[in-house]
Amino acid sequence: MKVALLGLLQSGKSTILSAISGKAVPPPGSTAIEEAIVPVPDERLDWLREYYKPKKTTHVALTCRALTLPMSTAGPVPDA
């Protein structure tokens, strides 16, 4: 599953990404594209694997990216 964290500079994208992945928080104001692949453990899948004994088991992994939007492309937030 692919997830993108989009937002303006200093909005907390990299902080959320580092909380999910366990990576270090980049320096403030960094405009680098951060990426992490995070495994998602699930006890239910482990139980099903033991019960059905399949030849192969594929666990879910999130591919997360934190992208900074330039101020010029960020328009007003529409009313909900």
N, C-alpha and C. Protein backbone atom coordinates (compact mmCIF):
# COMPACT_ATOMS: atom_id res chain seq x y z
N MET A 1 0.85 -1.15 0.00
CA MET A 1 0.00 0.00 0.00
C MET A 1 0.90 1.23 0.00
N LYS A 2 0.55 2.20 -0.81
CA LYS A 2 1.36 3.42 -0.89
C LYS A 2 0.60 4.57 -0.25
N VAL A 3 1.31 5.33 0.57
CA VAL A 3 0.73 6.46 1.29
C VAL A 3 1.61 7.68 1.04
N ALA A 4 0.99 8.81 0.74
CA ALA A 4 1.74 10.06 0.58
C ALA A 4 1.25 11.05 1.64
N LEU A 5 2.20 11.65 2.32
CA LEU A 5 1.89 12.70 3.28
C LEU A 5 2.21 14.03 2.59
N LEU A 6 1.18 14.79 2.28
CA LEU A 6 1.34 16.05 1.56
C LEU A 6 1.05 17.21 2.49
N GLY A 7 1.78 18.29 2.32
CA GLY A 7 1.51 19.47 3.13
C GLY A 7 2.55 20.54 2.91
N LEU A 8 2.29 21.67 3.48
CA LEU A 8 3.19 22.81 3.36
C LEU A 8 4.42 22.59 4.24
N LEU A 9 5.42 23.41 4.01
CA LEU A 9 6.64 23.39 4.80
C LEU A 9 6.30 23.58 6.27
N GLN A 10 6.94 22.80 7.14
CA GLN A 10 6.77 22.90 8.60
C GLN A 10 5.36 22.48 9.07
N SER A 11 4.68 21.59 8.32
CA SER A 11 3.35 21.16 8.75
C SER A 11 3.34 19.83 9.50
N GLY A 12 4.51 19.18 9.65
CA GLY A 12 4.59 17.96 10.46
C GLY A 12 4.63 16.66 9.69
N LYS A 13 4.81 16.71 8.37
CA LYS A 13 4.85 15.49 7.56
C LYS A 13 6.00 14.58 7.96
N SER A 14 7.19 15.13 8.07
CA SER A 14 8.36 14.32 8.41
C SER A 14 8.28 13.79 9.83
N THR A 15 7.65 14.54 10.72
CA THR A 15 7.48 14.09 12.10
C THR A 15 6.58 12.87 12.16
N ILE A 16 5.48 12.90 11.40
CA ILE A 16 4.58 11.74 11.35
C ILE A 16 5.29 10.56 10.71
N LEU A 17 6.03 10.80 9.63
CA LEU A 17 6.75 9.73 8.96
C LEU A 17 7.79 9.09 9.89
N SER A 18 8.50 9.90 10.65
CA SER A 18 9.50 9.33 11.55
C SER A 18 8.84 8.62 12.73
N ALA A 19 7.66 9.06 13.15
CA ALA A 19 6.93 8.36 14.22
C ALA A 19 6.47 6.98 13.74
N ILE A 20 6.05 6.89 12.49
CA ILE A 20 5.59 5.62 11.93
C ILE A 20 6.76 4.67 11.68
N SER A 21 7.86 5.21 11.13
CA SER A 21 8.96 4.36 10.68
C SER A 21 10.07 4.15 11.71
N GLY A 22 10.17 5.06 12.68
CA GLY A 22 11.25 4.96 13.64
C GLY A 22 12.54 5.62 13.17
N LYS A 23 12.49 6.26 12.01
CA LYS A 23 13.67 6.98 11.50
C LYS A 23 13.85 8.29 12.24
N ALA A 24 15.05 8.84 12.14
CA ALA A 24 15.33 10.14 12.77
C ALA A 24 14.59 11.25 12.02
N VAL A 25 14.20 12.27 12.76
CA VAL A 25 13.52 13.43 12.16
C VAL A 25 14.56 14.26 11.42
N PRO A 26 14.30 14.62 10.14
CA PRO A 26 15.26 15.44 9.41
C PRO A 26 15.31 16.85 9.98
N PRO A 27 16.34 17.62 9.63
CA PRO A 27 16.45 18.98 10.16
C PRO A 27 15.26 19.83 9.74
N PRO A 28 14.84 20.80 10.57
CA PRO A 28 13.71 21.66 10.23
C PRO A 28 13.96 22.40 8.92
N GLY A 29 12.92 22.51 8.11
CA GLY A 29 13.02 23.23 6.85
C GLY A 29 13.56 22.40 5.71
N SER A 30 13.86 21.13 5.93
CA SER A 30 14.39 20.27 4.89
C SER A 30 13.32 20.06 3.81
N THR A 31 13.72 20.15 2.55
CA THR A 31 12.77 19.95 1.45
C THR A 31 13.00 18.63 0.73
N ALA A 32 13.82 17.75 1.30
CA ALA A 32 14.07 16.45 0.69
C ALA A 32 12.82 15.58 0.78
N ILE A 33 12.65 14.71 -0.19
CA ILE A 33 11.53 13.77 -0.17
C ILE A 33 11.93 12.60 0.72
N GLU A 34 11.24 12.45 1.81
CA GLU A 34 11.51 11.36 2.76
C GLU A 34 10.69 10.14 2.35
N GLU A 35 11.26 8.95 2.47
CA GLU A 35 10.54 7.74 2.13
C GLU A 35 10.87 6.64 3.13
N ALA A 36 9.87 5.83 3.46
CA ALA A 36 10.08 4.71 4.38
C ALA A 36 9.12 3.58 4.01
N ILE A 37 9.58 2.35 4.17
CA ILE A 37 8.73 1.18 4.01
C ILE A 37 8.53 0.60 5.40
N VAL A 38 7.27 0.54 5.83
CA VAL A 38 6.94 0.16 7.19
C VAL A 38 6.11 -1.11 7.19
N PRO A 39 6.59 -2.19 7.84
CA PRO A 39 5.78 -3.40 7.93
C PRO A 39 4.60 -3.20 8.87
N VAL A 40 3.48 -3.87 8.55
CA VAL A 40 2.28 -3.77 9.38
C VAL A 40 1.99 -5.15 9.95
N PRO A 41 2.39 -5.41 11.20
CA PRO A 41 2.13 -6.73 11.78
C PRO A 41 0.63 -6.92 12.06
N ASP A 42 0.17 -8.14 11.88
CA ASP A 42 -1.24 -8.44 12.12
C ASP A 42 -1.35 -9.84 12.72
N GLU A 43 -1.78 -9.93 13.96
CA GLU A 43 -1.90 -11.22 14.64
C GLU A 43 -2.92 -12.12 13.96
N ARG A 44 -3.94 -11.54 13.33
CA ARG A 44 -4.95 -12.35 12.64
C ARG A 44 -4.34 -13.11 11.48
N LEU A 45 -3.42 -12.46 10.76
CA LEU A 45 -2.76 -13.13 9.63
C LEU A 45 -1.89 -14.27 10.14
N ASP A 46 -1.22 -14.06 11.26
CA ASP A 46 -0.40 -15.13 11.84
C ASP A 46 -1.26 -16.33 12.21
N TRP A 47 -2.44 -16.09 12.78
CA TRP A 47 -3.34 -17.17 13.15
C TRP A 47 -3.81 -17.92 11.91
N LEU A 48 -4.19 -17.17 10.86
CA LEU A 48 -4.65 -17.80 9.62
C LEU A 48 -3.55 -18.63 8.97
N ARG A 49 -2.31 -18.12 9.03
CA ARG A 49 -1.19 -18.85 8.46
C ARG A 49 -0.99 -20.17 9.19
N GLU A 50 -1.07 -20.15 10.51
CA GLU A 50 -0.92 -21.39 11.28
C GLU A 50 -2.07 -22.37 11.01
N TYR A 51 -3.26 -21.86 10.82
CA TYR A 51 -4.44 -22.70 10.63
C TYR A 51 -4.45 -23.34 9.24
N TYR A 52 -4.20 -22.54 8.17
CA TYR A 52 -4.31 -23.04 6.79
C TYR A 52 -2.99 -23.54 6.21
N LYS A 53 -1.87 -23.14 6.79
CA LYS A 53 -0.54 -23.54 6.35
C LYS A 53 -0.32 -23.33 4.84
N PRO A 54 -0.43 -22.09 4.38
CA PRO A 54 -0.21 -21.83 2.94
C PRO A 54 1.28 -21.94 2.59
N LYS A 55 1.56 -22.05 1.29
CA LYS A 55 2.95 -22.12 0.84
C LYS A 55 3.64 -20.77 1.01
N LYS A 56 2.89 -19.69 0.88
CA LYS A 56 3.48 -18.36 0.95
C LYS A 56 2.56 -17.43 1.75
N THR A 57 3.15 -16.56 2.54
CA THR A 57 2.40 -15.55 3.29
C THR A 57 3.01 -14.19 2.99
N THR A 58 2.18 -13.24 2.61
CA THR A 58 2.66 -11.89 2.31
C THR A 58 2.07 -10.93 3.33
N HIS A 59 2.93 -10.32 4.12
CA HIS A 59 2.48 -9.34 5.10
C HIS A 59 2.32 -7.98 4.43
N VAL A 60 1.48 -7.16 4.98
CA VAL A 60 1.24 -5.82 4.45
C VAL A 60 2.42 -4.92 4.82
N ALA A 61 2.79 -4.05 3.89
CA ALA A 61 3.82 -3.04 4.16
C ALA A 61 3.35 -1.73 3.55
N LEU A 62 3.54 -0.66 4.28
CA LEU A 62 3.20 0.67 3.79
C LEU A 62 4.45 1.32 3.21
N THR A 63 4.34 1.86 2.02
CA THR A 63 5.39 2.69 1.44
C THR A 63 4.94 4.12 1.63
N CYS A 64 5.62 4.85 2.50
CA CYS A 64 5.22 6.21 2.86
C CYS A 64 6.21 7.22 2.30
N ARG A 65 5.69 8.32 1.78
CA ARG A 65 6.51 9.43 1.32
C ARG A 65 5.98 10.73 1.90
N ALA A 66 6.89 11.58 2.28
CA ALA A 66 6.53 12.92 2.77
C ALA A 66 6.98 13.92 1.73
N LEU A 67 6.03 14.63 1.14
CA LEU A 67 6.31 15.60 0.08
C LEU A 67 5.90 16.99 0.53
N THR A 68 6.77 17.95 0.29
CA THR A 68 6.46 19.34 0.64
C THR A 68 5.90 20.05 -0.58
N LEU A 69 4.76 20.70 -0.39
CA LEU A 69 4.14 21.47 -1.47
C LEU A 69 4.72 22.87 -1.50
N PRO A 70 5.07 23.38 -2.67
CA PRO A 70 5.52 24.76 -2.74
C PRO A 70 4.37 25.70 -2.41
N MET A 71 4.68 26.82 -1.81
CA MET A 71 3.63 27.77 -1.41
C MET A 71 2.80 28.25 -2.59
N SER A 72 3.39 28.34 -3.79
CA SER A 72 2.68 28.87 -4.94
C SER A 72 1.56 27.95 -5.42
N THR A 73 1.66 26.61 -5.16
CA THR A 73 0.63 25.69 -5.62
C THR A 73 -0.43 25.42 -4.57
N ALA A 74 -0.19 25.88 -3.37
CA ALA A 74 -1.15 25.62 -2.30
C ALA A 74 -2.24 26.70 -2.33
N GLY A 75 -3.40 26.29 -2.72
CA GLY A 75 -4.52 27.23 -2.78
C GLY A 75 -5.29 27.23 -1.47
N PRO A 76 -6.37 27.97 -1.43
CA PRO A 76 -7.19 28.00 -0.21
C PRO A 76 -7.86 26.65 0.01
N VAL A 77 -8.09 26.32 1.25
CA VAL A 77 -8.77 25.09 1.61
C VAL A 77 -10.27 25.29 1.40
N PRO A 78 -10.92 24.42 0.61
CA PRO A 78 -12.35 24.59 0.37
C PRO A 78 -13.15 24.34 1.64
N ASP A 79 -14.32 24.99 1.73
CA ASP A 79 -15.20 24.79 2.88
C ASP A 79 -15.76 23.38 2.84
N ALA A 80 -15.89 22.78 4.02
CA ALA A 80 -16.40 21.40 4.11
C ALA A 80 -17.89 21.39 4.11
